[in-house]
C-alpha atoms as a PDB file:
ATOM      1  CA  UNK A   1     -70.610  -4.500  19.950  1.00  0.00           C
ATOM      2  CA  UNK A   2     -67.873  -4.758  17.441  1.00  0.00           C
ATOM      3  CA  UNK A   3     -68.790  -5.476  13.624  1.00  0.00           C
ATOM      4  CA  UNK A   4     -67.817  -8.874  12.574  1.00  0.00           C
ATOM      5  CA  UNK A   5     -64.840  -7.589  10.607  1.00  0.00           C
ATOM      6  CA  UNK A   6     -63.415  -5.822  13.592  1.00  0.00           C
ATOM      7  CA  UNK A   7     -64.066  -8.610  16.262  1.00  0.00           C
ATOM      8  CA  UNK A   8     -61.206 -10.297  18.079  1.00  0.00           C
ATOM      9  CA  UNK A   9     -62.123 -13.733  16.600  1.00  0.00           C
ATOM     10  CA  UNK A  10     -61.750 -12.310  12.993  1.00  0.00           C
ATOM     11  CA  UNK A  11     -58.651 -10.274  13.536  1.00  0.00           C
ATOM     12  CA  UNK A  12     -56.478 -13.017  14.857  1.00  0.00           C
ATOM     13  CA  UNK A  13     -56.596 -14.414  11.321  1.00  0.00           C
ATOM     14  CA  UNK A  14     -55.557 -11.347   9.828  1.00  0.00           C
ATOM     15  CA  UNK A  15     -52.002 -10.016   9.549  1.00  0.00           C
ATOM     16  CA  UNK A  16     -52.946  -6.262   9.386  1.00  0.00           C
ATOM     17  CA  UNK A  17     -55.775  -3.984  10.473  1.00  0.00           C
ATOM     18  CA  UNK A  18     -55.907  -2.695   7.005  1.00  0.00           C
ATOM     19  CA  UNK A  19     -55.103  -5.591   4.569  1.00  0.00           C
ATOM     20  CA  UNK A  20     -55.935  -3.618   1.308  1.00  0.00           C
ATOM     21  CA  UNK A  21     -54.198  -0.465   2.629  1.00  0.00           C
ATOM     22  CA  UNK A  22     -50.938  -2.623   3.375  1.00  0.00           C
ATOM     23  CA  UNK A  23     -50.943  -4.160  -0.063  1.00  0.00           C
ATOM     24  CA  UNK A  24     -51.176  -0.703  -1.562  1.00  0.00           C
ATOM     25  CA  UNK A  25     -48.411   0.425   0.528  1.00  0.00           C
ATOM     26  CA  UNK A  26     -46.342  -2.333  -0.602  1.00  0.00           C
ATOM     27  CA  UNK A  27     -46.857  -1.544  -4.022  1.00  0.00           C
ATOM     28  CA  UNK A  28     -46.093   2.050  -3.398  1.00  0.00           C
ATOM     29  CA  UNK A  29     -42.718   1.050  -1.700  1.00  0.00           C
ATOM     30  CA  UNK A  30     -41.935  -0.994  -4.878  1.00  0.00           C
ATOM     31  CA  UNK A  31     -42.633   1.884  -7.214  1.00  0.00           C
ATOM     32  CA  UNK A  32     -40.740   4.172  -5.001  1.00  0.00           C
ATOM     33  CA  UNK A  33     -37.577   1.961  -4.916  1.00  0.00           C
ATOM     34  CA  UNK A  34     -37.703   1.443  -8.600  1.00  0.00           C
ATOM     35  CA  UNK A  35     -38.076   5.163  -9.109  1.00  0.00           C
ATOM     36  CA  UNK A  36     -35.157   5.852  -6.839  1.00  0.00           C
ATOM     37  CA  UNK A  37     -32.790   3.561  -8.252  1.00  0.00           C
ATOM     38  CA  UNK A  38     -33.457   4.757 -11.917  1.00  0.00           C
ATOM     39  CA  UNK A  39     -33.341   8.333 -10.756  1.00  0.00           C
ATOM     40  CA  UNK A  40     -29.889   7.630  -9.049  1.00  0.00           C
ATOM     41  CA  UNK A  41     -28.495   6.040 -12.188  1.00  0.00           C
ATOM     42  CA  UNK A  42     -29.701   8.917 -14.365  1.00  0.00           C
ATOM     43  CA  UNK A  43     -28.349  11.563 -11.841  1.00  0.00           C
ATOM     44  CA  UNK A  44     -24.897  10.068 -12.036  1.00  0.00           C
ATOM     45  CA  UNK A  45     -25.268   8.882 -15.586  1.00  0.00           C
ATOM     46  CA  UNK A  46     -25.839  12.422 -17.207  1.00  0.00           C
ATOM     47  CA  UNK A  47     -22.620  13.986 -18.032  1.00  0.00           C
ATOM     48  CA  UNK A  48     -24.073  17.486 -18.972  1.00  0.00           C
ATOM     49  CA  UNK A  49     -26.913  18.582 -16.773  1.00  0.00           C
ATOM     50  CA  UNK A  50     -27.804  21.852 -15.071  1.00  0.00           C
ATOM     51  CA  UNK A  51     -27.415  22.450 -11.303  1.00  0.00           C
ATOM     52  CA  UNK A  52     -31.178  22.777 -11.180  1.00  0.00           C
ATOM     53  CA  UNK A  53     -31.620  19.309 -12.882  1.00  0.00           C
ATOM     54  CA  UNK A  54     -28.969  17.628 -10.614  1.00  0.00           C
ATOM     55  CA  UNK A  55     -30.557  19.014  -7.490  1.00  0.00           C
ATOM     56  CA  UNK A  56     -34.043  18.161  -8.659  1.00  0.00           C
ATOM     57  CA  UNK A  57     -33.139  14.419  -9.037  1.00  0.00           C
ATOM     58  CA  UNK A  58     -31.441  14.438  -5.670  1.00  0.00           C
ATOM     59  CA  UNK A  59     -34.599  15.666  -4.015  1.00  0.00           C
ATOM     60  CA  UNK A  60     -36.571  12.962  -5.894  1.00  0.00           C
ATOM     61  CA  UNK A  61     -34.319  10.378  -4.520  1.00  0.00           C
ATOM     62  CA  UNK A  62     -34.693  11.692  -0.942  1.00  0.00           C
ATOM     63  CA  UNK A  63     -38.529  11.914  -1.429  1.00  0.00           C
ATOM     64  CA  UNK A  64     -38.806   8.305  -2.659  1.00  0.00           C
ATOM     65  CA  UNK A  65     -36.575   7.137   0.321  1.00  0.00           C
ATOM     66  CA  UNK A  66     -39.044   9.091   2.621  1.00  0.00           C
ATOM     67  CA  UNK A  67     -41.925   7.384   1.050  1.00  0.00           C
ATOM     68  CA  UNK A  68     -40.538   3.943   1.695  1.00  0.00           C
ATOM     69  CA  UNK A  69     -39.630   4.771   5.249  1.00  0.00           C
ATOM     70  CA  UNK A  70     -43.056   6.377   6.092  1.00  0.00           C
ATOM     71  CA  UNK A  71     -44.992   3.451   4.455  1.00  0.00           C
ATOM     72  CA  UNK A  72     -42.958   0.825   6.263  1.00  0.00           C
ATOM     73  CA  UNK A  73     -43.640   2.513   9.562  1.00  0.00           C
ATOM     74  CA  UNK A  74     -47.424   2.710   8.888  1.00  0.00           C
ATOM     75  CA  UNK A  75     -47.460  -0.965   7.754  1.00  0.00           C
ATOM     76  CA  UNK A  76     -45.749  -1.754  11.171  1.00  0.00           C
ATOM     77  CA  UNK A  77     -48.363   0.234  13.120  1.00  0.00           C
ATOM     78  CA  UNK A  78     -51.122  -1.601  11.335  1.00  0.00           C
ATOM     79  CA  UNK A  79     -49.718  -4.926  11.847  1.00  0.00           C
ATOM     80  CA  UNK A  80     -51.330  -7.301  14.272  1.00  0.00           C
ATOM     81  CA  UNK A  81     -48.246  -9.660  14.531  1.00  0.00           C
ATOM     82  CA  UNK A  82     -45.453  -7.114  14.876  1.00  0.00           C
ATOM     83  CA  UNK A  83     -42.771  -9.490  16.018  1.00  0.00           C
ATOM     84  CA  UNK A  84     -43.333 -11.481  12.836  1.00  0.00           C
ATOM     85  CA  UNK A  85     -43.435  -8.195  10.744  1.00  0.00           C
ATOM     86  CA  UNK A  86     -39.923  -7.142  12.141  1.00  0.00           C
ATOM     87  CA  UNK A  87     -38.585 -10.529  11.210  1.00  0.00           C
ATOM     88  CA  UNK A  88     -40.040 -10.651   7.761  1.00  0.00           C
ATOM     89  CA  UNK A  89     -39.475  -7.188   6.819  1.00  0.00           C
ATOM     90  CA  UNK A  90     -36.361  -6.527   8.729  1.00  0.00           C
ATOM     91  CA  UNK A  91     -34.487  -4.943   5.433  1.00  0.00           C
ATOM     92  CA  UNK A  92     -37.202  -2.210   5.047  1.00  0.00           C
ATOM     93  CA  UNK A  93     -37.526  -1.567   8.893  1.00  0.00           C
ATOM     94  CA  UNK A  94     -33.787  -1.114   9.041  1.00  0.00           C
ATOM     95  CA  UNK A  95     -33.997   1.121   5.982  1.00  0.00           C
ATOM     96  CA  UNK A  96     -36.817   3.211   7.746  1.00  0.00           C
ATOM     97  CA  UNK A  97     -34.755   3.524  10.892  1.00  0.00           C
ATOM     98  CA  UNK A  98     -31.410   4.301   9.349  1.00  0.00           C
ATOM     99  CA  UNK A  99     -33.084   6.934   6.977  1.00  0.00           C
ATOM    100  CA  UNK A 100     -35.105   8.729   9.637  1.00  0.00           C
ATOM    101  CA  UNK A 101     -32.394   8.882  12.361  1.00  0.00           C
ATOM    102  CA  UNK A 102     -29.438   9.007   9.944  1.00  0.00           C
ATOM    103  CA  UNK A 103     -30.689  11.754   7.866  1.00  0.00           C
ATOM    104  CA  UNK A 104     -31.245  14.084  10.943  1.00  0.00           C
ATOM    105  CA  UNK A 105     -27.786  13.208  12.076  1.00  0.00           C
ATOM    106  CA  UNK A 106     -26.261  13.811   8.649  1.00  0.00           C
ATOM    107  CA  UNK A 107     -28.107  17.063   8.224  1.00  0.00           C
ATOM    108  CA  UNK A 108     -27.244  18.435  11.722  1.00  0.00           C
ATOM    109  CA  UNK A 109     -23.348  17.324  11.357  1.00  0.00           C
ATOM    110  CA  UNK A 110     -22.718  17.832   7.705  1.00  0.00           C
ATOM    111  CA  UNK A 111     -20.361  20.775   8.480  1.00  0.00           C
ATOM    112  CA  UNK A 112     -18.106  18.347  10.107  1.00  0.00           C
ATOM    113  CA  UNK A 113     -18.022  16.061   7.230  1.00  0.00           C
ATOM    114  CA  UNK A 114     -15.636  16.340   4.164  1.00  0.00           C
ATOM    115  CA  UNK A 115     -16.762  19.139   1.755  1.00  0.00           C
ATOM    116  CA  UNK A 116     -19.019  18.164  -1.112  1.00  0.00           C
ATOM    117  CA  UNK A 117     -19.284  20.628  -3.947  1.00  0.00           C
ATOM    118  CA  UNK A 118     -22.822  20.783  -5.374  1.00  0.00           C
ATOM    119  CA  UNK A 119     -25.621  23.204  -6.137  1.00  0.00           C
ATOM    120  CA  UNK A 120     -27.738  22.284  -3.112  1.00  0.00           C
ATOM    121  CA  UNK A 121     -25.080  22.977  -0.467  1.00  0.00           C
ATOM    122  CA  UNK A 122     -23.078  21.034   1.977  1.00  0.00           C
ATOM    123  CA  UNK A 123     -25.972  19.519   4.020  1.00  0.00           C
ATOM    124  CA  UNK A 124     -28.293  18.547   1.121  1.00  0.00           C
ATOM    125  CA  UNK A 125     -25.495  17.031  -0.806  1.00  0.00           C
ATOM    126  CA  UNK A 126     -24.589  14.761   2.152  1.00  0.00           C
ATOM    127  CA  UNK A 127     -28.348  13.945   2.596  1.00  0.00           C
ATOM    128  CA  UNK A 128     -28.311  12.917  -1.304  1.00  0.00           C
ATOM    129  CA  UNK A 129     -25.202  10.741  -0.820  1.00  0.00           C
ATOM    130  CA  UNK A 130     -26.545   9.068   2.280  1.00  0.00           C
ATOM    131  CA  UNK A 131     -30.120   8.422   0.628  1.00  0.00           C
ATOM    132  CA  UNK A 132     -28.462   7.100  -2.350  1.00  0.00           C
ATOM    133  CA  UNK A 133     -26.321   4.672  -0.356  1.00  0.00           C
ATOM    134  CA  UNK A 134     -29.398   3.335   1.581  1.00  0.00           C
ATOM    135  CA  UNK A 135     -31.208   2.950  -1.685  1.00  0.00           C
ATOM    136  CA  UNK A 136     -28.518   0.955  -3.215  1.00  0.00           C
ATOM    137  CA  UNK A 137     -28.404  -1.539  -0.196  1.00  0.00           C
ATOM    138  CA  UNK A 138     -32.119  -1.803  -0.139  1.00  0.00           C
ATOM    139  CA  UNK A 139     -32.313  -2.536  -3.866  1.00  0.00           C
ATOM    140  CA  UNK A 140     -29.556  -5.218  -3.508  1.00  0.00           C
ATOM    141  CA  UNK A 141     -31.459  -7.003  -0.604  1.00  0.00           C
ATOM    142  CA  UNK A 142     -34.788  -6.742  -2.441  1.00  0.00           C
ATOM    143  CA  UNK A 143     -33.343  -8.069  -5.460  1.00  0.00           C
ATOM    144  CA  UNK A 144     -31.891 -11.065  -3.471  1.00  0.00           C
ATOM    145  CA  UNK A 145     -35.145 -11.544  -1.881  1.00  0.00           C
ATOM    146  CA  UNK A 146     -36.879 -11.687  -5.185  1.00  0.00           C
ATOM    147  CA  UNK A 147     -34.363 -14.122  -6.547  1.00  0.00           C
ATOM    148  CA  UNK A 148     -35.064 -16.340  -3.619  1.00  0.00           C
ATOM    149  CA  UNK A 149     -38.710 -16.160  -4.057  1.00  0.00           C
ATOM    150  CA  UNK A 150     -38.576 -17.152  -7.689  1.00  0.00           C
ATOM    151  CA  UNK A 151     -35.906 -20.003  -6.827  1.00  0.00           C
ATOM    152  CA  UNK A 152     -38.321 -21.287  -4.359  1.00  0.00           C
ATOM    153  CA  UNK A 153     -41.161 -21.798  -6.674  1.00  0.00           C
ATOM    154  CA  UNK A 154     -39.355 -24.863  -8.217  1.00  0.00           C
ATOM    155  CA  UNK A 155     -38.776 -23.108 -11.690  1.00  0.00           C
ATOM    156  CA  UNK A 156     -36.577 -24.968 -14.160  1.00  0.00           C
ATOM    157  CA  UNK A 157     -32.938 -24.034 -13.441  1.00  0.00           C
ATOM    158  CA  UNK A 158     -32.057 -23.476 -17.017  1.00  0.00           C
ATOM    159  CA  UNK A 159     -35.089 -20.977 -17.583  1.00  0.00           C
ATOM    160  CA  UNK A 160     -34.034 -19.371 -14.357  1.00  0.00           C
ATOM    161  CA  UNK A 161     -30.496 -18.930 -15.460  1.00  0.00           C
ATOM    162  CA  UNK A 162     -31.507 -17.605 -18.934  1.00  0.00           C
ATOM    163  CA  UNK A 163     -33.987 -15.216 -17.289  1.00  0.00           C
ATOM    164  CA  UNK A 164     -31.324 -13.820 -14.840  1.00  0.00           C
ATOM    165  CA  UNK A 165     -28.951 -13.158 -17.789  1.00  0.00           C
ATOM    166  CA  UNK A 166     -31.851 -11.471 -19.776  1.00  0.00           C
ATOM    167  CA  UNK A 167     -32.290  -9.139 -16.633  1.00  0.00           C
ATOM    168  CA  UNK A 168     -28.573  -8.607 -16.292  1.00  0.00           C
ATOM    169  CA  UNK A 169     -28.141  -7.706 -20.048  1.00  0.00           C
ATOM    170  CA  UNK A 170     -31.267  -5.194 -19.779  1.00  0.00           C
ATOM    171  CA  UNK A 171     -29.595  -3.436 -16.721  1.00  0.00           C
ATOM    172  CA  UNK A 172     -26.338  -3.321 -18.443  1.00  0.00           C
ATOM    173  CA  UNK A 173     -27.780  -1.808 -21.677  1.00  0.00           C
ATOM    174  CA  UNK A 174     -29.624   0.865 -19.724  1.00  0.00           C
ATOM    175  CA  UNK A 175     -26.349   1.872 -17.865  1.00  0.00           C
ATOM    176  CA  UNK A 176     -24.238   1.844 -20.859  1.00  0.00           C
ATOM    177  CA  UNK A 177     -26.795   4.099 -22.800  1.00  0.00           C
ATOM    178  CA  UNK A 178     -26.289   6.892 -19.997  1.00  0.00           C
ATOM    179  CA  UNK A 179     -24.274   9.872 -21.435  1.00  0.00           C
ATOM    180  CA  UNK A 180     -21.574   9.408 -18.721  1.00  0.00           C
ATOM    181  CA  UNK A 181     -20.643   5.856 -20.062  1.00  0.00           C
ATOM    182  CA  UNK A 182     -19.247   7.615 -23.278  1.00  0.00           C
ATOM    183  CA  UNK A 183     -15.751   8.843 -23.234  1.00  0.00           C
ATOM    184  CA  UNK A 184     -15.128  12.515 -24.011  1.00  0.00           C
ATOM    185  CA  UNK A 185     -13.272  12.815 -27.243  1.00  0.00           C
ATOM    186  CA  UNK A 186     -10.901  15.762 -28.091  1.00  0.00           C
ATOM    187  CA  UNK A 187     -12.969  18.475 -29.594  1.00  0.00           C
ATOM    188  CA  UNK A 188     -16.350  17.221 -28.588  1.00  0.00           C
ATOM    189  CA  UNK A 189     -18.496  19.863 -27.039  1.00  0.00           C
ATOM    190  CA  UNK A 190     -21.470  17.505 -26.522  1.00  0.00           C
ATOM    191  CA  UNK A 191     -21.284  13.877 -25.535  1.00  0.00           C
ATOM    192  CA  UNK A 192     -24.145  11.709 -27.089  1.00  0.00           C
ATOM    193  CA  UNK A 193     -25.428   8.571 -25.520  1.00  0.00           C
ATOM    194  CA  UNK A 194     -24.306   5.257 -26.947  1.00  0.00           C
ATOM    195  CA  UNK A 195     -26.708   3.905 -29.582  1.00  0.00           C
ATOM    196  CA  UNK A 196     -29.029   1.190 -28.290  1.00  0.00           C
ATOM    197  CA  UNK A 197     -27.546  -1.579 -30.467  1.00  0.00           C
ATOM    198  CA  UNK A 198     -23.937  -0.748 -29.252  1.00  0.00           C
ATOM    199  CA  UNK A 199     -25.086  -0.738 -25.631  1.00  0.00           C
ATOM    200  CA  UNK A 200     -27.075  -3.931 -26.073  1.00  0.00           C
ATOM    201  CA  UNK A 201     -24.494  -5.821 -27.994  1.00  0.00           C
ATOM    202  CA  UNK A 202     -21.721  -4.730 -25.529  1.00  0.00           C
ATOM    203  CA  UNK A 203     -23.742  -5.581 -22.397  1.00  0.00           C
ATOM    204  CA  UNK A 204     -24.612  -8.988 -23.978  1.00  0.00           C
ATOM    205  CA  UNK A 205     -21.071  -9.769 -24.898  1.00  0.00           C
ATOM    206  CA  UNK A 206     -19.781  -8.831 -21.376  1.00  0.00           C
ATOM    207  CA  UNK A 207     -22.628 -10.745 -19.540  1.00  0.00           C
ATOM    208  CA  UNK A 208     -22.130 -13.888 -21.530  1.00  0.00           C
ATOM    209  CA  UNK A 209     -18.257 -13.305 -21.573  1.00  0.00           C
ATOM    210  CA  UNK A 210     -17.810 -13.691 -25.295  1.00  0.00           C
ATOM    211  CA  UNK A 211     -15.216 -11.009 -25.645  1.00  0.00           C
ATOM    212  CA  UNK A 212     -16.724  -9.466 -28.929  1.00  0.00           C
ATOM    213  CA  UNK A 213     -16.943  -5.751 -29.276  1.00  0.00           C
ATOM    214  CA  UNK A 214     -18.230  -3.197 -31.750  1.00  0.00           C
ATOM    215  CA  UNK A 215     -16.364  -0.231 -30.214  1.00  0.00           C
ATOM    216  CA  UNK A 216     -12.848  -0.105 -28.566  1.00  0.00           C
ATOM    217  CA  UNK A 217     -13.421  -0.578 -24.921  1.00  0.00           C
ATOM    218  CA  UNK A 218     -10.496   1.632 -23.759  1.00  0.00           C
ATOM    219  CA  UNK A 219     -11.471   4.783 -25.778  1.00  0.00           C
ATOM    220  CA  UNK A 220     -15.212   4.657 -26.579  1.00  0.00           C
ATOM    221  CA  UNK A 221     -16.364   3.868 -23.100  1.00  0.00           C
ATOM    222  CA  UNK A 222     -15.528   6.304 -20.091  1.00  0.00           C
ATOM    223  CA  UNK A 223     -14.265   4.899 -16.785  1.00  0.00           C
ATOM    224  CA  UNK A 224     -18.055   4.691 -15.719  1.00  0.00           C
ATOM    225  CA  UNK A 225     -18.772   2.748 -18.820  1.00  0.00           C
ATOM    226  CA  UNK A 226     -15.793   0.415 -18.308  1.00  0.00           C
ATOM    227  CA  UNK A 227     -16.622  -0.173 -14.638  1.00  0.00           C
ATOM    228  CA  UNK A 228     -20.139  -1.347 -15.810  1.00  0.00           C
ATOM    229  CA  UNK A 229     -18.473  -3.737 -18.387  1.00  0.00           C
ATOM    230  CA  UNK A 230     -16.242  -4.904 -15.535  1.00  0.00           C
ATOM    231  CA  UNK A 231     -19.119  -5.775 -13.269  1.00  0.00           C
ATOM    232  CA  UNK A 232     -21.140  -7.366 -16.118  1.00  0.00           C
ATOM    233  CA  UNK A 233     -18.387 -10.000 -16.966  1.00  0.00           C
ATOM    234  CA  UNK A 234     -17.648 -10.473 -13.351  1.00  0.00           C
ATOM    235  CA  UNK A 235     -21.291 -11.480 -12.710  1.00  0.00           C
ATOM    236  CA  UNK A 236     -21.537 -13.286 -15.930  1.00  0.00           C
ATOM    237  CA  UNK A 237     -18.235 -15.262 -15.195  1.00  0.00           C
ATOM    238  CA  UNK A 238     -19.394 -16.470 -11.903  1.00  0.00           C
ATOM    239  CA  UNK A 239     -23.020 -16.940 -12.830  1.00  0.00           C
ATOM    240  CA  UNK A 240     -25.860 -14.906 -11.606  1.00  0.00           C
ATOM    241  CA  UNK A 241     -27.331 -17.591  -9.432  1.00  0.00           C
ATOM    242  CA  UNK A 242     -23.899 -18.450  -7.838  1.00  0.00           C
ATOM    243  CA  UNK A 243     -23.329 -14.696  -7.178  1.00  0.00           C
ATOM    244  CA  UNK A 244     -26.768 -14.328  -5.535  1.00  0.00           C
ATOM    245  CA  UNK A 245     -26.316 -17.436  -3.315  1.00  0.00           C
ATOM    246  CA  UNK A 246     -22.816 -16.135  -2.275  1.00  0.00           C
ATOM    247  CA  UNK A 247     -24.405 -13.145  -0.843  1.00  0.00           C
ATOM    248  CA  UNK A 248     -26.972 -15.213   1.152  1.00  0.00           C
ATOM    249  CA  UNK A 249     -24.091 -17.612   2.394  1.00  0.00           C
ATOM    250  CA  UNK A 250     -21.838 -14.591   3.616  1.00  0.00           C
ATOM    251  CA  UNK A 251     -24.759 -13.060   5.331  1.00  0.00           C
ATOM    252  CA  UNK A 252     -25.258 -16.181   7.442  1.00  0.00           C
ATOM    253  CA  UNK A 253     -28.736 -16.963   6.255  1.00  0.00           C
ATOM    254  CA  UNK A 254     -29.680 -20.554   5.350  1.00  0.00           C
ATOM    255  CA  UNK A 255     -30.575 -21.569   1.682  1.00  0.00           C
ATOM    256  CA  UNK A 256     -34.166 -22.909   1.292  1.00  0.00           C
ATOM    257  CA  UNK A 257     -34.439 -26.419   0.125  1.00  0.00           C
ATOM    258  CA  UNK A 258     -35.515 -25.741  -3.324  1.00  0.00           C
ATOM    259  CA  UNK A 259     -32.743 -23.034  -3.539  1.00  0.00           C
ATOM    260  CA  UNK A 260     -30.266 -25.746  -2.702  1.00  0.00           C
ATOM    261  CA  UNK A 261     -31.591 -28.145  -5.123  1.00  0.00           C
ATOM    262  CA  UNK A 262     -31.497 -25.552  -7.871  1.00  0.00           C
ATOM    263  CA  UNK A 263     -27.921 -24.678  -7.080  1.00  0.00           C
ATOM    264  CA  UNK A 264     -27.005 -28.337  -6.891  1.00  0.00           C
ATOM    265  CA  UNK A 265     -28.127 -28.843 -10.497  1.00  0.00           C
ATOM    266  CA  UNK A 266     -26.341 -25.506 -11.689  1.00  0.00           C
ATOM    267  CA  UNK A 267     -23.090 -26.465  -9.792  1.00  0.00           C
ATOM    268  CA  UNK A 268     -23.207 -30.154 -10.619  1.00  0.00           C
ATOM    269  CA  UNK A 269     -22.906 -31.032  -6.851  1.00  0.00           C
ATOM    270  CA  UNK A 270     -23.944 -34.604  -5.904  1.00  0.00           C
ATOM    271  CA  UNK A 271     -24.993 -33.778  -2.095  1.00  0.00           C
ATOM    272  CA  UNK A 272     -27.144 -30.958  -0.903  1.00  0.00           C
ATOM    273  CA  UNK A 273     -24.851 -30.342   2.091  1.00  0.00           C
ATOM    274  CA  UNK A 274     -21.940 -29.668  -0.163  1.00  0.00           C
ATOM    275  CA  UNK A 275     -23.498 -26.656  -1.949  1.00  0.00           C
ATOM    276  CA  UNK A 276     -22.812 -24.033   0.772  1.00  0.00           C
ATOM    277  CA  UNK A 277     -19.203 -25.091   1.124  1.00  0.00           C
ATOM    278  CA  UNK A 278     -18.877 -25.103  -2.598  1.00  0.00           C
ATOM    279  CA  UNK A 279     -20.017 -21.719  -2.893  1.00  0.00           C
ATOM    280  CA  UNK A 280     -17.777 -20.128  -0.415  1.00  0.00           C
ATOM    281  CA  UNK A 281     -14.939 -22.095  -2.015  1.00  0.00           C
ATOM    282  CA  UNK A 282     -15.836 -20.570  -5.471  1.00  0.00           C
ATOM    283  CA  UNK A 283     -15.752 -17.165  -3.806  1.00  0.00           C
ATOM    284  CA  UNK A 284     -12.326 -17.502  -2.129  1.00  0.00           C
ATOM    285  CA  UNK A 285     -10.750 -18.985  -5.145  1.00  0.00           C
ATOM    286  CA  UNK A 286     -12.168 -16.450  -7.545  1.00  0.00           C
ATOM    287  CA  UNK A 287     -11.328 -13.268  -5.650  1.00  0.00           C
ATOM    288  CA  UNK A 288      -7.862 -14.594  -4.487  1.00  0.00           C
ATOM    289  CA  UNK A 289      -6.859 -15.534  -8.103  1.00  0.00           C
ATOM    290  CA  UNK A 290      -8.077 -12.085  -9.289  1.00  0.00           C
ATOM    291  CA  UNK A 291      -6.403 -10.177  -6.588  1.00  0.00           C
ATOM    292  CA  UNK A 292      -3.154 -12.060  -7.068  1.00  0.00           C
ATOM    293  CA  UNK A 293      -3.520 -11.407 -10.815  1.00  0.00           C
ATOM    294  CA  UNK A 294      -4.077  -7.755 -10.495  1.00  0.00           C
ATOM    295  CA  UNK A 295      -1.092  -7.364  -8.104  1.00  0.00           C
ATOM    296  CA  UNK A 296       1.239  -9.067 -10.545  1.00  0.00           C
ATOM    297  CA  UNK A 297      -0.019  -7.058 -13.581  1.00  0.00           C
ATOM    298  CA  UNK A 298       0.150  -3.716 -11.794  1.00  0.00           C
ATOM    299  CA  UNK A 299       3.787  -3.147 -12.941  1.00  0.00           C
ATOM    300  CA  UNK A 300       2.860  -3.285 -16.550  1.00  0.00           C
ATOM    301  CA  UNK A 301       1.928   0.432 -16.631  1.00  0.00           C
ATOM    302  CA  UNK A 302       4.778   2.190 -14.508  1.00  0.00           C
ATOM    303  CA  UNK A 303       4.187   5.573 -15.988  1.00  0.00           C
ATOM    304  CA  UNK A 304       0.493   5.773 -15.181  1.00  0.00           C
ATOM    305  CA  UNK A 305      -1.063   7.164 -11.907  1.00  0.00           C
ATOM    306  CA  UNK A 306      -1.566   4.613  -9.085  1.00  0.00           C
ATOM    307  CA  UNK A 307      -5.284   4.875  -9.571  1.00  0.00           C
ATOM    308  CA  UNK A 308      -4.943   4.164 -13.222  1.00  0.00           C
ATOM    309  CA  UNK A 309      -2.510   1.288 -12.590  1.00  0.00           C
ATOM    310  CA  UNK A 310      -4.817  -0.315 -10.139  1.00  0.00           C
ATOM    311  CA  UNK A 311      -7.923  -0.188 -12.394  1.00  0.00           C
ATOM    312  CA  UNK A 312      -6.071  -1.480 -15.413  1.00  0.00           C
ATOM    313  CA  UNK A 313      -4.668  -4.303 -13.374  1.00  0.00           C
ATOM    314  CA  UNK A 314      -8.028  -5.212 -11.838  1.00  0.00           C
ATOM    315  CA  UNK A 315      -9.941  -4.909 -15.157  1.00  0.00           C
ATOM    316  CA  UNK A 316      -7.604  -7.128 -17.027  1.00  0.00           C
ATOM    317  CA  UNK A 317      -7.201  -9.611 -14.095  1.00  0.00           C
ATOM    318  CA  UNK A 318     -11.013 -10.160 -13.734  1.00  0.00           C
ATOM    319  CA  UNK A 319     -11.321 -10.282 -17.613  1.00  0.00           C
ATOM    320  CA  UNK A 320      -8.562 -12.965 -17.720  1.00  0.00           C
ATOM    321  CA  UNK A 321      -9.882 -15.097 -15.045  1.00  0.00           C
ATOM    322  CA  UNK A 322     -13.644 -14.869 -16.263  1.00  0.00           C
ATOM    323  CA  UNK A 323     -12.226 -15.584 -19.912  1.00  0.00           C
ATOM    324  CA  UNK A 324     -14.130 -12.384 -20.864  1.00  0.00           C
ATOM    325  CA  UNK A 325     -11.806 -11.355 -23.638  1.00  0.00           C
ATOM    326  CA  UNK A 326     -12.163  -7.665 -22.878  1.00  0.00           C
ATOM    327  CA  UNK A 327      -9.042  -5.306 -22.903  1.00  0.00           C
ATOM    328  CA  UNK A 328      -8.580  -1.440 -22.477  1.00  0.00           C
ATOM    329  CA  UNK A 329      -5.713  -1.458 -25.137  1.00  0.00           C
ATOM    330  CA  UNK A 330      -6.271  -1.568 -28.817  1.00  0.00           C
ATOM    331  CA  UNK A 331      -4.084  -4.740 -29.395  1.00  0.00           C
ATOM    332  CA  UNK A 332      -4.581  -6.158 -25.994  1.00  0.00           C
ATOM    333  CA  UNK A 333      -1.250  -7.382 -24.840  1.00  0.00           C
ATOM    334  CA  UNK A 334       0.310  -8.079 -28.049  1.00  0.00           C
ATOM    335  CA  UNK A 335       2.940  -5.338 -27.488  1.00  0.00           C
ATOM    336  CA  UNK A 336       3.712  -6.692 -24.104  1.00  0.00           C
ATOM    337  CA  UNK A 337       4.388 -10.204 -25.118  1.00  0.00           C
ATOM    338  CA  UNK A 338       7.941 -10.275 -23.814  1.00  0.00           C
ATOM    339  CA  UNK A 339       6.922  -9.278 -20.310  1.00  0.00           C
ATOM    340  CA  UNK A 340       7.033 -12.036 -17.640  1.00  0.00           C
ATOM    341  CA  UNK A 341       3.530 -11.062 -16.383  1.00  0.00           C
ATOM    342  CA  UNK A 342       2.034 -11.817 -19.641  1.00  0.00           C
END
């Protein structure tokens, strides 16, 4: 005879055969995901690191990805409601499947893929790239899921918006403090990280689109640092809650009632049914205006390489549309005041 905790009558009220173990595995997955994202940022943010350090960071990302995959598969095997488990945890289930089968495929066909120079060799370097891509997608999906969870709790929209900007500033500060975010100046043999106050001030200014700087954006920050600043004032200009809701709408998922009510207050929309259409309209109008602006401004740098022209045009177009006030030139467009694009 089965013990009470293993009887069918008892199990039907449980979601897993090992609830405590499943809870610990969920915590392990979260820790592994955060570790992988931080490691990824450090791996690409370090300008000067030995081949051994770079390879070690890549291995850590792969091991964290493997941990998430194995943990998710284990929880699925323990689940007593597997159909609902797949529906509820589709992101991690997809991650586990793509990592397991995709890694084997990438590892076996790496010699057919474009060459990647690295200390670990072609196969492992492609495995690192593949794992990093999956981690970034999973991190984005988990971030959106967390945002939806907090929104559905009925938190005051003003507090939720302020808290979102605080998180954005913290992430931006961390990325701008990485050595790769600093530009290499002539004669410098070692590139130091940006001071905390400089990174914090710049990240805050970009996220809140104030346009105030303490160091020249075009010369102090590298292309990586400038890209971080670009993303910060794009998200800050649109609004974090709007940005998250846009991803949800594009993914074809329905907004929850509390989410819709929160966004209705933020967007000042009178009717709940208008929110989704308003979000899509904002997305289309914003990106269309920025693309058109970038296309028109590309001719301002005729002597630059095509990639440099594209980045300059996109950076200044997004900065202008979001009213961010950031420029990659010392005097903004003062010297180009007679050009028709300006």
